[in-house]
Protein backbone atom coordinates (compact mmCIF):
# COMPACT_ATOMS: atom_id res chain seq x y z
CA MET A 1 3.89 -30.67 -11.83
CA ARG A 2 0.28 -31.09 -10.39
CA LEU A 3 -1.04 -29.79 -7.29
CA PRO A 4 -3.58 -32.28 -5.25
CA ASN A 5 -6.61 -29.68 -6.05
CA GLY A 6 -5.95 -30.46 -10.33
CA VAL A 7 -4.16 -26.71 -10.83
CA THR A 8 -1.80 -27.38 -13.34
CA LYS A 9 0.28 -25.21 -16.03
CA PHE A 10 -1.38 -26.60 -19.09
CA ALA A 11 -4.92 -25.56 -16.73
CA ILE A 12 -4.12 -22.39 -16.54
CA GLN A 13 -2.52 -21.80 -20.03
CA GLU A 14 -6.06 -23.30 -21.30
CA ALA A 15 -7.87 -21.07 -19.24
CA VAL A 16 -6.36 -17.74 -20.31
CA ASP A 17 -6.23 -18.87 -23.90
CA TYR A 18 -10.11 -19.58 -23.09
CA ILE A 19 -11.20 -16.02 -21.48
CA THR A 20 -9.00 -13.84 -23.97
CA LYS A 21 -10.94 -15.02 -27.01
CA ASN A 22 -14.01 -13.59 -25.50
CA PRO A 23 -13.69 -11.71 -22.20
CA ASP A 24 -17.50 -10.74 -21.96
CA LYS A 25 -18.57 -14.30 -22.75
CA ASN A 26 -16.24 -16.82 -20.83
CA LEU A 27 -15.39 -14.66 -18.13
CA PRO A 28 -18.95 -15.49 -16.28
CA LYS A 29 -18.63 -18.98 -17.32
CA LEU A 30 -15.23 -19.25 -15.38
CA ILE A 31 -16.34 -18.35 -12.17
CA GLY A 32 -19.28 -20.14 -12.42
CA TRP A 33 -17.21 -22.94 -12.89
CA VAL A 34 -14.85 -22.12 -10.12
CA ASP A 35 -17.78 -21.65 -7.29
CA LYS A 36 -18.45 -25.46 -8.52
CA PHE A 37 -15.04 -26.80 -7.61
CA SER A 38 -14.45 -24.05 -4.82
CA LYS A 39 -16.53 -26.73 -2.57
CA GLY A 40 -17.09 -23.71 -0.18
CA GLU A 41 -13.73 -22.20 -0.36
CA PHE A 42 -12.95 -18.42 -0.43
CA PRO A 43 -16.63 -17.33 -0.83
CA ASP A 44 -15.20 -13.46 -0.08
CA GLN A 45 -12.91 -13.59 -2.47
CA ARG A 46 -15.02 -15.54 -4.93
CA LYS A 47 -17.83 -12.99 -4.40
CA THR A 48 -15.10 -9.88 -5.33
CA VAL A 49 -14.39 -11.53 -8.60
CA ARG A 50 -17.65 -12.31 -9.85
CA ALA A 51 -18.92 -8.75 -8.92
CA VAL A 52 -15.91 -7.70 -10.85
CA ILE A 53 -16.66 -9.78 -13.66
CA GLU A 54 -20.29 -8.72 -13.97
CA ASP A 55 -20.68 -5.16 -13.05
CA PRO A 56 -19.42 -2.28 -15.86
CA ASN A 57 -19.82 0.02 -13.63
CA HIS A 58 -17.08 -1.33 -11.03
CA PRO A 59 -13.66 0.21 -10.73
CA TYR A 60 -11.74 -3.23 -11.59
CA HIS A 61 -14.21 -4.15 -14.47
CA ASN A 62 -12.16 -2.11 -17.07
CA TYR A 63 -8.92 -2.72 -15.45
CA LEU A 64 -9.45 -6.49 -16.00
CA MET A 65 -10.50 -5.97 -19.68
CA TYR A 66 -7.71 -4.17 -20.35
CA LEU A 67 -5.15 -7.12 -18.77
CA LEU A 68 -7.57 -9.17 -21.16
CA HIS A 69 -7.55 -7.44 -24.30
CA ASP A 70 -4.65 -5.40 -23.99
CA ILE A 71 -1.91 -7.19 -22.49
CA ASP A 72 0.17 -9.70 -24.76
CA LYS A 73 -1.65 -13.12 -23.96
CA ASP A 74 1.95 -14.94 -23.71
CA CYS A 75 3.53 -12.39 -20.87
CA LEU A 76 0.00 -12.58 -19.42
CA LYS A 77 0.10 -16.83 -19.26
CA THR A 78 3.62 -16.82 -18.16
CA PHE A 79 2.19 -14.16 -15.48
CA PHE A 80 0.06 -16.68 -13.94
CA VAL A 81 1.60 -19.40 -14.44
CA ASN A 82 4.93 -18.24 -12.41
CA PHE A 83 3.03 -16.16 -10.02
CA ILE A 84 -0.25 -17.86 -9.23
CA LEU A 85 1.10 -21.48 -9.74
CA ASN A 86 4.82 -21.36 -8.64
CA ALA A 87 5.08 -18.90 -6.09
CA SER A 88 1.46 -18.73 -4.91
CA LEU A 89 0.59 -21.87 -4.67
CA ILE A 90 3.34 -24.46 -5.21
CA GLY A 91 5.91 -22.51 -3.93
CA TRP A 92 4.15 -22.13 -0.89
CA ARG A 93 3.77 -25.34 0.40
CA ARG A 94 7.59 -25.91 -0.60
CA GLN A 95 8.21 -22.93 1.98
CA ASP A 96 6.09 -24.09 4.71
CA TYR A 97 7.78 -27.25 4.67
CA TYR A 98 10.62 -25.72 5.00
CA ARG A 99 9.64 -23.61 7.76
CA ASP A 100 8.42 -26.22 9.62
CA LYS A 101 11.44 -28.58 9.31
CA TYR A 102 14.16 -25.38 10.64
CA ASN A 103 11.95 -23.37 12.62
CA CYS A 104 12.66 -20.51 10.71
CA ASN A 105 11.25 -17.96 8.37
CA VAL A 106 11.31 -19.03 4.71
CA PRO A 107 10.85 -15.99 2.26
CA TRP A 108 8.24 -15.67 -0.54
CA ALA A 109 10.07 -13.43 -2.64
CA ILE A 110 13.95 -12.08 -2.53
CA LEU A 111 15.11 -8.90 -3.49
CA LEU A 112 18.77 -8.62 -5.46
CA ASP A 113 20.83 -5.84 -6.49
CA PRO A 114 22.52 -7.08 -9.17
CA THR A 115 24.55 -3.72 -9.27
CA SER A 116 25.40 -0.65 -7.29
CA ALA A 117 26.61 1.28 -10.16
CA CYS A 118 23.43 3.97 -11.88
CA ASN A 119 22.97 5.88 -15.06
CA LEU A 120 21.46 9.16 -13.44
CA HIS A 121 22.99 11.20 -10.04
CA CYS A 122 19.50 11.26 -7.75
CA THR A 123 19.71 13.80 -5.19
CA GLY A 124 19.94 12.24 -1.89
CA CYS A 125 21.18 8.73 -3.44
CA TRP A 126 24.72 8.13 -3.97
CA ALA A 127 24.73 4.83 -5.91
CA ALA A 128 26.33 6.94 -9.11
CA GLU A 129 28.72 8.18 -7.36
CA TYR A 130 30.17 4.87 -5.70
CA GLY A 131 30.01 3.69 -9.42
CA ASN A 132 29.98 0.26 -10.82
CA LYS A 133 32.30 -1.25 -7.75
CA LEU A 134 29.75 -3.93 -6.49
CA ASN A 135 28.35 -6.42 -8.54
CA LEU A 136 26.96 -9.77 -8.19
CA SER A 137 28.10 -12.07 -10.97
CA PHE A 138 25.72 -13.69 -13.20
CA GLU A 139 26.82 -17.06 -11.49
CA GLU A 140 26.05 -15.98 -8.17
CA ILE A 141 22.45 -14.29 -9.30
CA ASP A 142 21.97 -17.69 -11.03
CA ASN A 143 22.92 -19.44 -8.26
CA ILE A 144 20.67 -17.61 -5.66
CA ILE A 145 17.59 -18.14 -7.63
CA THR A 146 18.97 -21.73 -7.75
CA GLN A 147 18.44 -22.18 -3.98
CA GLY A 148 15.38 -20.34 -3.29
CA LYS A 149 13.70 -22.38 -6.02
CA GLU A 150 14.75 -25.41 -3.44
CA LEU A 151 13.17 -23.66 -0.75
CA GLY A 152 9.78 -22.80 -2.85
CA VAL A 153 11.16 -18.87 -3.95
CA TYR A 154 9.71 -18.10 -7.53
CA PHE A 155 9.49 -14.47 -6.84
CA TYR A 156 12.50 -12.34 -7.70
CA ILE A 157 12.35 -8.70 -7.25
CA TYR A 158 15.55 -6.22 -8.46
CA THR A 159 16.36 -3.33 -6.71
CA GLY A 160 19.89 -1.36 -6.73
CA GLY A 161 21.79 0.96 -8.16
CA GLU A 162 19.92 0.26 -11.11
CA PRO A 163 19.48 -2.63 -12.51
CA LEU A 164 19.19 -2.37 -15.63
CA VAL A 165 23.06 -1.59 -16.35
CA ARG A 166 22.81 -5.33 -16.21
CA LYS A 167 19.85 -5.45 -18.46
CA LYS A 168 21.80 -8.02 -20.77
CA ASP A 169 22.46 -10.49 -17.77
CA LEU A 170 19.21 -9.95 -16.18
CA ILE A 171 17.45 -10.99 -19.47
CA ALA A 172 19.68 -14.50 -19.58
CA ILE A 173 18.20 -15.28 -15.98
CA CYS A 174 14.68 -15.00 -17.29
CA ASN A 175 15.51 -17.34 -20.00
CA LYS A 176 17.50 -19.79 -17.55
CA HIS A 177 14.42 -19.31 -15.04
CA PRO A 178 11.34 -19.44 -17.15
CA ASP A 179 9.43 -20.82 -14.35
CA CYS A 180 9.83 -17.66 -12.13
CA GLU A 181 8.85 -14.16 -12.11
CA PHE A 182 10.59 -10.54 -12.32
CA LEU A 183 10.10 -7.64 -11.37
CA SER A 184 12.70 -4.82 -11.39
CA PHE A 185 12.63 -1.40 -9.98
CA THR A 186 14.23 0.97 -12.37
CA ASN A 187 14.42 4.42 -13.15
CA GLY A 188 13.18 3.79 -16.87
CA THR A 189 15.69 5.62 -18.52
CA LEU A 190 17.68 2.37 -20.47
CA ILE A 191 14.22 0.82 -21.66
CA ASP A 192 14.90 0.92 -25.15
CA GLU A 193 12.99 -0.62 -28.21
CA GLU A 194 15.72 -3.96 -28.24
CA PHE A 195 14.96 -4.38 -24.10
CA ALA A 196 11.63 -4.20 -24.83
CA ASN A 197 11.39 -6.88 -27.65
CA ASP A 198 13.64 -8.86 -25.17
CA MET A 199 10.58 -8.72 -22.53
CA LEU A 200 8.05 -9.81 -25.10
CA ARG A 201 10.68 -12.87 -25.85
CA VAL A 202 11.02 -14.17 -22.25
CA LYS A 203 7.49 -13.03 -20.93
CA ASN A 204 8.46 -13.03 -17.43
CA PHE A 205 9.94 -9.55 -16.41
CA ILE A 206 8.24 -6.30 -15.31
CA PRO A 207 9.25 -2.90 -14.36
CA ALA A 208 8.38 -0.87 -11.60
CA ILE A 209 9.01 2.66 -13.12
CA SER A 210 10.40 5.09 -10.52
CA ILE A 211 9.12 8.62 -10.76
CA GLU A 212 8.58 11.87 -8.25
CA GLY A 213 5.24 12.39 -9.74
CA PHE A 214 5.17 15.30 -12.73
CA GLU A 215 8.06 16.23 -14.71
CA GLU A 216 9.18 19.58 -12.06
CA ALA A 217 9.61 16.96 -9.31
CA THR A 218 10.95 14.42 -11.42
CA ASP A 219 13.39 16.49 -13.03
CA GLY A 220 14.42 18.18 -9.61
CA ARG A 221 15.65 15.11 -8.00
CA ARG A 222 16.00 13.09 -11.14
CA GLY A 223 18.11 15.63 -13.56
CA GLN A 224 16.84 17.10 -16.52
CA GLY A 225 14.91 15.43 -18.77
CA THR A 226 14.24 12.56 -17.11
CA TYR A 227 10.35 12.54 -16.79
CA GLN A 228 10.36 12.79 -20.33
CA LYS A 229 12.08 9.54 -20.80
CA VAL A 230 10.30 7.95 -18.57
CA ILE A 231 6.90 9.14 -20.29
CA ARG A 232 8.54 7.71 -23.48
CA ALA A 233 9.24 4.13 -21.91
CA MET A 234 6.29 3.91 -20.59
CA GLU A 235 4.61 4.69 -24.17
CA LEU A 236 6.76 2.04 -25.47
CA LEU A 237 5.76 -0.80 -23.10
CA LYS A 238 2.34 0.30 -23.47
CA SER A 239 2.38 0.05 -27.50
CA LYS A 240 4.39 -3.69 -26.87
CA ARG A 241 1.13 -4.09 -24.79
CA LEU A 242 3.77 -5.09 -21.85
CA PRO A 243 2.38 -5.25 -18.49
CA PHE A 244 4.72 -2.15 -15.88
CA GLY A 245 3.99 -0.30 -12.85
CA ILE A 246 5.22 2.51 -10.96
CA SER A 247 6.77 2.96 -7.77
CA CYS A 248 7.34 5.98 -5.71
CA CYS A 249 8.52 7.27 -2.26
CA TYR A 250 6.44 10.03 -0.31
CA THR A 251 7.84 12.13 1.64
CA ARG A 252 6.84 15.24 3.51
CA ALA A 253 7.67 17.21 0.59
CA ASN A 254 6.27 15.29 -2.19
CA MET A 255 3.34 13.92 -0.23
CA ASP A 256 0.87 15.13 -1.80
CA SER A 257 1.91 15.63 -5.68
CA ILE A 258 2.37 11.79 -5.64
CA THR A 259 -0.82 10.89 -3.69
CA SER A 260 -2.89 13.25 -6.08
CA GLU A 261 -5.86 12.37 -8.14
CA GLU A 262 -4.50 13.64 -11.05
CA PHE A 263 -1.37 12.07 -10.62
CA TYR A 264 -3.20 8.69 -9.86
CA ASP A 265 -5.85 9.43 -13.31
CA LYS A 266 -2.38 10.22 -15.52
CA MET A 267 -0.51 7.15 -14.54
CA ILE A 268 -3.49 4.84 -15.67
CA GLU A 269 -3.94 6.57 -18.25
CA MET A 270 0.19 6.03 -19.52
CA GLY A 271 -1.01 2.04 -18.71
CA ALA A 272 0.01 1.48 -15.25
CA LEU A 273 -0.96 -1.64 -13.99
CA PHE A 274 0.06 -1.60 -10.18
CA VAL A 275 1.83 1.54 -8.67
CA TRP A 276 3.97 0.63 -5.12
CA TYR A 277 4.37 3.73 -2.48
CA PHE A 278 7.05 3.41 -0.15
CA HIS A 279 7.60 5.69 3.18
CA TYR A 280 10.93 7.90 3.33
CA MET A 281 13.38 5.75 5.73
CA PRO A 282 15.78 8.04 7.13
CA VAL A 283 18.68 5.57 6.27
CA GLY A 284 22.21 6.62 6.13
CA ASN A 285 24.40 9.11 8.13
CA ASP A 286 23.71 12.04 6.29
CA ALA A 287 19.72 11.22 5.82
CA SER A 288 17.27 14.12 6.69
CA VAL A 289 14.89 13.65 9.15
CA ASP A 290 12.63 16.82 8.27
CA LEU A 291 11.63 14.23 4.87
CA LEU A 292 9.78 12.03 7.14
CA PRO A 293 5.93 13.01 6.50
CA THR A 294 4.59 14.05 9.49
CA GLU A 295 1.41 12.23 11.63
CA GLU A 296 -1.47 14.07 9.99
CA GLN A 297 0.03 13.74 6.41
CA ARG A 298 0.52 9.67 6.89
CA LYS A 299 -3.49 9.43 8.25
CA GLU A 300 -4.11 11.12 4.79
CA ILE A 301 -2.09 8.39 2.84
CA ILE A 302 -3.92 5.70 4.74
CA ARG A 303 -7.43 7.55 3.91
CA ARG A 304 -6.06 8.48 -0.28
CA ILE A 305 -4.91 5.45 -1.07
CA ARG A 306 -7.88 3.42 0.37
CA ASP A 307 -10.15 5.41 -1.22
CA TYR A 308 -8.38 5.54 -4.44
CA ARG A 309 -8.42 1.38 -4.21
CA ASP A 310 -12.24 1.50 -4.14
CA ARG A 311 -12.52 4.35 -7.19
CA LYS A 312 -9.76 3.83 -9.72
CA PRO A 313 -8.65 1.17 -11.77
CA ILE A 314 -4.74 0.71 -10.84
CA PHE A 315 -3.66 -1.71 -7.64
CA ALA A 316 -1.92 0.17 -5.12
CA MET A 317 0.52 -1.18 -2.68
CA ASP A 318 1.68 0.79 0.53
CA PHE A 319 4.63 -1.01 2.06
CA GLN A 320 4.30 0.63 5.41
CA ASN A 321 0.58 0.77 6.33
CA ASP A 322 -0.58 -1.84 4.43
CA ALA A 323 1.09 -4.29 6.73
CA GLU A 324 -2.38 -4.30 8.89
CA TYR A 325 -3.31 -6.82 6.06
CA VAL A 326 -0.12 -8.89 6.45
CA GLU A 327 0.17 -8.75 10.17
CA GLY A 328 2.86 -6.69 10.71
CA CYS A 329 6.42 -7.36 9.68
CA ILE A 330 7.48 -9.05 6.26
CA ALA A 331 11.15 -8.55 6.66
CA GLY A 332 13.87 -10.83 8.07
CA GLY A 333 12.61 -13.69 5.70
CA ARG A 334 9.07 -13.82 6.76
CA ARG A 335 8.25 -12.64 3.26
CA TYR A 336 11.00 -11.34 2.09
CA LEU A 337 14.80 -10.66 2.10
CA HIS A 338 17.30 -8.16 0.64
CA ILE A 339 21.02 -9.06 -0.64
CA ASN A 340 22.66 -6.10 -1.58
CA ALA A 341 25.70 -5.84 -4.50
CA ASN A 342 28.65 -6.92 -1.91
CA GLY A 343 26.59 -10.48 -1.23
CA ASP A 344 25.10 -9.27 1.98
CA VAL A 345 22.02 -10.59 3.09
CA ASP A 346 20.18 -7.60 5.01
CA PRO A 347 16.77 -8.81 6.61
CA CYS A 348 14.88 -6.09 5.15
CA VAL A 349 16.11 -3.49 1.73
CA PHE A 350 15.89 -0.35 4.11
CA ILE A 351 17.63 -1.89 7.49
CA HIS A 352 21.75 -2.24 6.00
CA TYR A 353 22.55 -4.69 8.39
CA SER A 354 23.89 -8.05 8.54
CA ASP A 355 25.28 -11.40 9.74
CA SER A 356 25.79 -13.31 6.43
CA ASN A 357 27.19 -12.79 3.28
CA ILE A 358 25.90 -14.95 0.09
CA ARG A 359 29.43 -15.66 -0.73
CA GLU A 360 29.94 -17.27 2.81
CA LYS A 361 27.10 -19.10 3.82
CA THR A 362 23.66 -20.45 1.59
CA LEU A 363 20.43 -19.33 1.76
CA LEU A 364 19.07 -21.50 4.27
CA GLU A 365 22.25 -21.11 6.14
CA ALA A 366 21.58 -17.22 6.17
CA LEU A 367 17.70 -17.54 7.17
CA THR A 368 18.53 -19.83 10.35
CA SER A 369 21.86 -16.94 11.19
CA PRO A 370 21.07 -15.40 15.01
CA LEU A 371 20.22 -11.91 13.31
CA PHE A 372 17.51 -13.69 11.39
CA MET A 373 16.54 -15.92 13.76
CA ALA A 374 15.83 -12.76 15.85
CA TYR A 375 13.29 -11.31 13.01
CA HIS A 376 11.71 -14.51 13.23
CA ASP A 377 11.65 -15.17 17.36
CA GLY A 378 10.48 -11.21 17.52
CA GLN A 379 7.93 -10.88 14.96
CA PRO A 380 5.07 -9.09 15.09
CA PHE A 381 7.05 -6.41 16.46
CA ASN A 382 3.86 -4.47 17.97
CA ASP A 383 0.15 -5.70 18.58
CA ASN A 384 -0.53 -3.02 16.26
CA MET A 385 -0.84 -3.29 12.77
CA LEU A 386 0.40 0.00 12.01
CA ARG A 387 3.28 -0.09 14.10
CA PRO A 388 5.09 -2.60 11.67
CA CYS A 389 9.04 -1.89 11.60
CA PRO A 390 11.76 -2.32 14.27
CA MET A 391 13.44 0.60 13.04
CA LEU A 392 11.10 3.30 12.08
CA GLU A 393 8.11 2.72 14.67
CA ASN A 394 9.62 0.54 17.05
CA PRO A 395 13.21 1.51 17.12
CA GLU A 396 14.29 -0.06 20.80
CA LYS A 397 13.50 -3.24 18.55
CA LEU A 398 16.48 -2.95 16.16
CA ARG A 399 18.77 -1.81 18.51
CA GLY A 400 18.07 -4.68 20.40
CA MET A 401 18.52 -6.98 17.68
CA VAL A 402 21.64 -5.78 15.96
CA SER A 403 23.46 -5.95 19.73
CA LYS A 404 22.68 -9.65 20.43
CA THR A 405 23.26 -10.73 17.37
CA GLY A 406 26.49 -8.62 16.61
CA ALA A 407 25.31 -7.47 13.30
CA LYS A 408 27.30 -5.47 11.20
CA SER A 409 26.20 -2.72 8.64
CA THR A 410 26.44 -3.33 5.24
CA ASP A 411 27.09 1.09 4.24
CA LEU A 412 30.44 0.41 2.52
CA GLN A 413 30.44 3.95 1.35
CA SER A 414 29.69 5.45 5.30
CA PRO A 415 28.68 2.63 7.83
CA GLU A 416 25.99 3.83 10.14
CA SER A 417 25.41 2.90 13.33
CA ALA A 418 22.33 1.49 14.73
CA GLU A 419 22.25 3.82 17.54
CA HIS A 420 22.82 6.71 15.34
CA LEU A 421 19.74 5.11 12.88
CA CYS A 422 17.44 4.48 15.54
CA ALA A 423 18.09 7.96 17.09
CA LYS A 424 16.38 9.61 14.38
CA CYS A 425 13.27 7.62 14.62
CA ASP A 426 13.04 7.44 18.03
CA ALA A 427 10.38 10.99 18.24
CA TYR A 428 8.45 10.01 14.88
CA ALA A 429 7.75 6.61 16.66
CA ALA A 430 6.19 8.22 19.91
CA CYS A 431 4.75 10.90 17.80
CA TRP A 432 3.08 8.03 15.36
CA ALA A 433 1.95 5.49 18.11
CA ALA A 434 -1.13 7.42 19.44
CA ALA A 435 -2.59 7.92 15.67
CA ALA A 436 -1.65 4.69 14.97
CA GLU A 437 -3.81 3.36 18.62
CA GLU A 438 -6.97 5.58 16.92
CA LEU A 439 -6.77 4.05 13.66
CA TRP A 440 -6.13 0.34 14.54
CA GLU A 441 -8.57 0.34 17.84
CA GLY A 442 -11.63 -1.87 16.87
CA SER A 443 -11.10 -1.72 13.17
CA PRO A 444 -12.15 -4.85 11.18
CA ASN A 445 -8.33 -5.83 10.82
CA GLN A 446 -7.64 -5.70 14.88
CA GLU A 447 -10.62 -7.74 14.75
CA ARG A 448 -8.96 -10.59 12.88
CA PHE A 449 -5.89 -10.50 13.99
CA LEU A 450 -6.94 -10.66 17.34
CA ALA A 451 -8.90 -13.99 16.25
CA LYS A 452 -6.40 -15.26 14.53
CA GLN A 453 -4.13 -15.19 17.51
CA GLU A 454 -6.51 -16.76 19.76
CA ARG A 455 -6.69 -19.59 17.56
CA LEU A 456 -2.94 -19.93 16.72
CA GLY A 457 -2.51 -19.82 20.65
CA LYS A 458 -5.37 -23.06 21.15
CA GLU A 459 -3.41 -24.88 18.32
CA THR A 460 -0.08 -24.43 20.14
CA GLU A 461 -1.46 -25.59 23.31
CA ALA A 462 -2.91 -28.50 21.94
CA ARG A 463 0.67 -29.22 20.15
CA LEU A 464 2.13 -29.13 23.30
CA ALA A 465 -0.41 -30.89 25.07
CA GLY A 466 -0.08 -33.60 22.69
CA LYS A 467 3.64 -33.71 22.81
CA ASN A 468 3.48 -34.24 26.88
CA ALA A 469 0.84 -36.87 26.65
CA ALA A 470 3.27 -38.98 23.98
CA VAL A 471 6.47 -38.33 26.31
CA ARG A 472 4.45 -39.35 29.37
């Protein structure tokens, strides 16, 4: 498959081969060719990449060299083809086509729960007690991915339950869809030599290992001995030259430990390439609001992660505060959606309400359902991108969407009403609003957002004027 700019699967594979033969010598040549053929596009991005390549003191110089020297070359090739070419170039164009055609959201990524089962009994999680009652069959997962690819989706993320309870099926899916990239959130305890070798064979599966901090914190929530099992899994993956990252949920109780410099450095030492931070959400009838971070803690999270990004060789994502870089909420199919182990299509992995089931509707039918169209029509839910969520920071928005569309709770153990959930967020939302305004007002991202909104408004006016002229 060829794009208009000449980027092909073969070209990417050849470029990776060329770079990895002699990174120090060949990387500067490659960026020179990119400069030559870019025709002036993406100047800031090219400037940043050049700085990473040419400055040995840049924090991401060693990160890049680690990728090129210490990650399996075939896995690296596959990642660039599947994630950069298929998911982010070819796929995006196809997604845009369907967004325009049906005037709905079309996701860049799809989250799937292969099973509700889990091998651990973590505090505050019902998966192990609920057991192996809910599963998406191999055929159902395959069908979801087949439908997704038709819409241009080549990136799939497994959640759960513990996805690796189904690891043979997940590897079989990797085999059947070698043009897709798969990431799995996992507790890491089921990663063994056989599975690591399977990952090397298929080349398109990357684990994100959940960890609560150091040994005491991890074992305290996940069970005695879990931390050492996680460390052994990381050591095994690193020895096999396989890419992996970590996942951390920050709460009022653990925020200081999992965002400490000591913890950050330990994960870099273990070989983690990325860390995905998640803000605690009080989802579930028994969920405690006391674990919600305080206003000052959230401000400190923002400060620390941005500081580490400037200094530390690991790619950090903050699933809440980074909404300012993607113009608000990305759920409801805007950039992703979630399908649970019962087949319910949720707008968000944290918001368990749905009016569609994948066993009864196609993906496209779910994306054009009343609930998903309410997301489409309502985004962004706030002009302040540090208040992106229709539940956590704008609970009145979720109340309204669920009420208007008749969406039902998809928590089959203990269904929670939207009113009950949103009531737990009201005080937090009010408290955070003032701090968010202070951080957002006059920030570079606010200026970019306002400029884009103005440009889109003018484009819409011009398009409507053209239609009116054609009618006359």
